Amino acid sequence: MPRYKCLNKGCSQYGEVILVHSTRLIFKDTEVVDEKAECPECKEKRTTIKRDGWATAFRDKSTNNIPL
């Protein structure tokens, strides 16, 4: 379950770490987009809080198109 933090100082959720129970990563053109990264209050992209033990990058060994 991902955790997000809003970095918009004008937002009511600024600095709060929010746990989201489900998200989906999709490809839009050549970019990976996290569907839940947008703050529900200010609509700006939140930063993802990563914990040890979870994958933070993926690599396609056949084409090497996703950097480590």
N, C-alpha and C. Protein backbone atom coordinates (compact mmCIF):
# COMPACT_ATOMS: atom_id res chain seq x y z
N MET A 1 0.84 -1.17 0.00
CA MET A 1 0.00 0.00 0.00
C MET A 1 0.90 1.24 0.00
N PRO A 2 0.70 2.11 -0.97
CA PRO A 2 1.57 3.29 -1.06
C PRO A 2 1.21 4.37 -0.04
N ARG A 3 2.22 5.16 0.29
CA ARG A 3 2.05 6.31 1.18
C ARG A 3 2.47 7.55 0.40
N TYR A 4 1.70 8.61 0.53
CA TYR A 4 1.96 9.85 -0.20
C TYR A 4 2.04 11.02 0.78
N LYS A 5 2.79 12.06 0.36
CA LYS A 5 2.87 13.28 1.15
C LYS A 5 2.75 14.47 0.20
N CYS A 6 1.83 15.38 0.51
CA CYS A 6 1.62 16.58 -0.30
C CYS A 6 2.68 17.61 0.10
N LEU A 7 3.35 18.20 -0.89
CA LEU A 7 4.39 19.19 -0.64
C LEU A 7 3.94 20.61 -0.98
N ASN A 8 2.65 20.79 -1.26
CA ASN A 8 2.10 22.11 -1.56
C ASN A 8 1.80 22.82 -0.23
N LYS A 9 2.56 23.87 0.07
CA LYS A 9 2.42 24.56 1.36
C LYS A 9 1.05 25.20 1.55
N GLY A 10 0.33 25.46 0.48
CA GLY A 10 -0.99 26.05 0.59
C GLY A 10 -2.12 25.04 0.76
N CYS A 11 -1.79 23.76 0.79
CA CYS A 11 -2.80 22.70 0.88
C CYS A 11 -3.08 22.35 2.35
N SER A 12 -4.32 21.99 2.62
CA SER A 12 -4.69 21.60 3.99
C SER A 12 -4.05 20.27 4.40
N GLN A 13 -3.59 19.47 3.44
CA GLN A 13 -2.95 18.19 3.74
C GLN A 13 -1.44 18.28 3.63
N TYR A 14 -0.87 19.48 3.60
CA TYR A 14 0.57 19.67 3.46
C TYR A 14 1.33 18.93 4.57
N GLY A 15 2.31 18.12 4.15
CA GLY A 15 3.19 17.43 5.10
C GLY A 15 2.61 16.17 5.72
N GLU A 16 1.33 15.91 5.54
CA GLU A 16 0.72 14.71 6.12
C GLU A 16 1.05 13.50 5.26
N VAL A 17 1.39 12.39 5.90
CA VAL A 17 1.63 11.14 5.18
C VAL A 17 0.30 10.38 5.16
N ILE A 18 -0.19 10.13 3.95
CA ILE A 18 -1.49 9.49 3.76
C ILE A 18 -1.28 8.09 3.18
N LEU A 19 -1.87 7.09 3.79
CA LEU A 19 -1.82 5.71 3.31
C LEU A 19 -3.01 5.50 2.37
N VAL A 20 -2.72 5.01 1.17
CA VAL A 20 -3.77 4.70 0.19
C VAL A 20 -3.79 3.19 0.02
N HIS A 21 -4.97 2.60 0.10
CA HIS A 21 -5.07 1.15 0.10
C HIS A 21 -4.88 0.52 -1.27
N SER A 22 -5.09 1.27 -2.33
CA SER A 22 -4.96 0.69 -3.66
C SER A 22 -4.61 1.77 -4.67
N THR A 23 -3.74 1.46 -5.60
CA THR A 23 -3.41 2.36 -6.69
C THR A 23 -3.11 1.53 -7.92
N ARG A 24 -2.92 2.22 -9.02
CA ARG A 24 -2.60 1.53 -10.27
C ARG A 24 -1.57 2.36 -11.02
N LEU A 25 -0.53 1.71 -11.50
CA LEU A 25 0.49 2.36 -12.32
C LEU A 25 0.17 2.05 -13.77
N ILE A 26 0.12 3.10 -14.59
CA ILE A 26 -0.18 2.91 -16.01
C ILE A 26 0.87 3.63 -16.85
N PHE A 27 0.98 3.24 -18.11
CA PHE A 27 1.86 3.91 -19.05
C PHE A 27 1.06 4.90 -19.87
N LYS A 28 1.49 6.16 -19.90
CA LYS A 28 0.93 7.17 -20.78
C LYS A 28 2.08 7.65 -21.65
N ASP A 29 2.01 7.30 -22.93
CA ASP A 29 3.11 7.53 -23.86
C ASP A 29 4.34 6.80 -23.33
N THR A 30 5.37 7.51 -22.90
CA THR A 30 6.59 6.87 -22.40
C THR A 30 6.76 7.07 -20.90
N GLU A 31 5.74 7.55 -20.23
CA GLU A 31 5.83 7.88 -18.80
C GLU A 31 4.98 6.92 -17.97
N VAL A 32 5.50 6.52 -16.81
CA VAL A 32 4.73 5.71 -15.86
C VAL A 32 3.98 6.68 -14.95
N VAL A 33 2.66 6.50 -14.84
CA VAL A 33 1.82 7.41 -14.07
C VAL A 33 1.14 6.64 -12.95
N ASP A 34 1.23 7.16 -11.73
CA ASP A 34 0.55 6.60 -10.57
C ASP A 34 -0.81 7.29 -10.47
N GLU A 35 -1.88 6.54 -10.59
CA GLU A 35 -3.22 7.13 -10.63
C GLU A 35 -3.64 7.79 -9.31
N LYS A 36 -3.01 7.45 -8.20
CA LYS A 36 -3.40 8.03 -6.90
C LYS A 36 -2.41 9.08 -6.41
N ALA A 37 -1.45 9.48 -7.24
CA ALA A 37 -0.43 10.44 -6.80
C ALA A 37 -0.99 11.86 -6.67
N GLU A 38 -2.11 12.15 -7.32
CA GLU A 38 -2.70 13.49 -7.23
C GLU A 38 -3.35 13.70 -5.86
N CYS A 39 -3.05 14.84 -5.24
CA CYS A 39 -3.64 15.18 -3.95
C CYS A 39 -5.13 15.45 -4.13
N PRO A 40 -6.00 14.84 -3.32
CA PRO A 40 -7.44 15.07 -3.47
C PRO A 40 -7.86 16.49 -3.10
N GLU A 41 -7.05 17.21 -2.34
CA GLU A 41 -7.39 18.57 -1.92
C GLU A 41 -6.96 19.61 -2.95
N CYS A 42 -5.66 19.65 -3.28
CA CYS A 42 -5.13 20.71 -4.15
C CYS A 42 -4.91 20.27 -5.59
N LYS A 43 -5.03 18.97 -5.86
CA LYS A 43 -4.88 18.39 -7.20
C LYS A 43 -3.46 18.41 -7.74
N GLU A 44 -2.46 18.71 -6.91
CA GLU A 44 -1.07 18.65 -7.34
C GLU A 44 -0.52 17.26 -7.06
N LYS A 45 0.53 16.89 -7.78
CA LYS A 45 1.14 15.57 -7.61
C LYS A 45 1.85 15.49 -6.26
N ARG A 46 1.53 14.44 -5.49
CA ARG A 46 2.18 14.20 -4.19
C ARG A 46 3.42 13.37 -4.39
N THR A 47 4.34 13.45 -3.44
CA THR A 47 5.53 12.60 -3.47
C THR A 47 5.18 11.26 -2.82
N THR A 48 5.82 10.21 -3.31
CA THR A 48 5.60 8.88 -2.76
C THR A 48 6.63 8.61 -1.68
N ILE A 49 6.18 8.16 -0.54
CA ILE A 49 7.06 7.80 0.57
C ILE A 49 7.40 6.32 0.41
N LYS A 50 8.67 6.04 0.19
CA LYS A 50 9.09 4.66 -0.03
C LYS A 50 9.67 4.07 1.25
N ARG A 51 9.35 2.82 1.51
CA ARG A 51 9.87 2.12 2.67
C ARG A 51 10.82 1.03 2.19
N ASP A 52 11.79 0.67 3.02
CA ASP A 52 12.70 -0.42 2.69
C ASP A 52 11.92 -1.71 2.48
N GLY A 53 12.37 -2.50 1.52
CA GLY A 53 11.74 -3.79 1.28
C GLY A 53 10.79 -3.79 0.10
N TRP A 54 10.42 -2.63 -0.41
CA TRP A 54 9.52 -2.55 -1.55
C TRP A 54 10.31 -2.19 -2.79
N ALA A 55 9.89 -2.72 -3.92
CA ALA A 55 10.56 -2.41 -5.18
C ALA A 55 10.36 -0.93 -5.51
N THR A 56 11.44 -0.27 -5.90
CA THR A 56 11.36 1.14 -6.26
C THR A 56 11.69 1.36 -7.72
N ALA A 57 12.13 0.33 -8.43
CA ALA A 57 12.41 0.43 -9.86
C ALA A 57 12.27 -0.95 -10.49
N PHE A 58 11.93 -0.96 -11.73
CA PHE A 58 11.77 -2.21 -12.46
C PHE A 58 12.61 -2.15 -13.72
N ARG A 59 13.08 -3.29 -14.18
CA ARG A 59 13.94 -3.33 -15.35
C ARG A 59 13.47 -4.45 -16.27
N ASP A 60 13.30 -4.11 -17.51
CA ASP A 60 12.96 -5.09 -18.53
C ASP A 60 14.28 -5.58 -19.12
N LYS A 61 14.69 -6.79 -18.78
CA LYS A 61 15.99 -7.30 -19.19
C LYS A 61 16.09 -7.51 -20.70
N SER A 62 14.98 -7.70 -21.37
CA SER A 62 15.04 -7.97 -22.80
C SER A 62 15.34 -6.71 -23.62
N THR A 63 14.90 -5.54 -23.14
CA THR A 63 15.10 -4.31 -23.94
C THR A 63 15.90 -3.24 -23.20
N ASN A 64 16.10 -3.41 -21.89
CA ASN A 64 16.83 -2.42 -21.09
C ASN A 64 16.22 -1.02 -21.21
N ASN A 65 14.91 -0.94 -21.35
CA ASN A 65 14.28 0.36 -21.54
C ASN A 65 13.83 1.05 -20.26
N ILE A 66 13.95 0.38 -19.13
CA ILE A 66 13.57 1.00 -17.87
C ILE A 66 14.82 1.04 -17.00
N PRO A 67 15.37 2.24 -16.75
CA PRO A 67 16.63 2.32 -16.00
C PRO A 67 16.45 1.95 -14.54
N LEU A 68 17.55 1.46 -13.95
CA LEU A 68 17.54 1.14 -12.51
C LEU A 68 17.65 2.38 -11.69
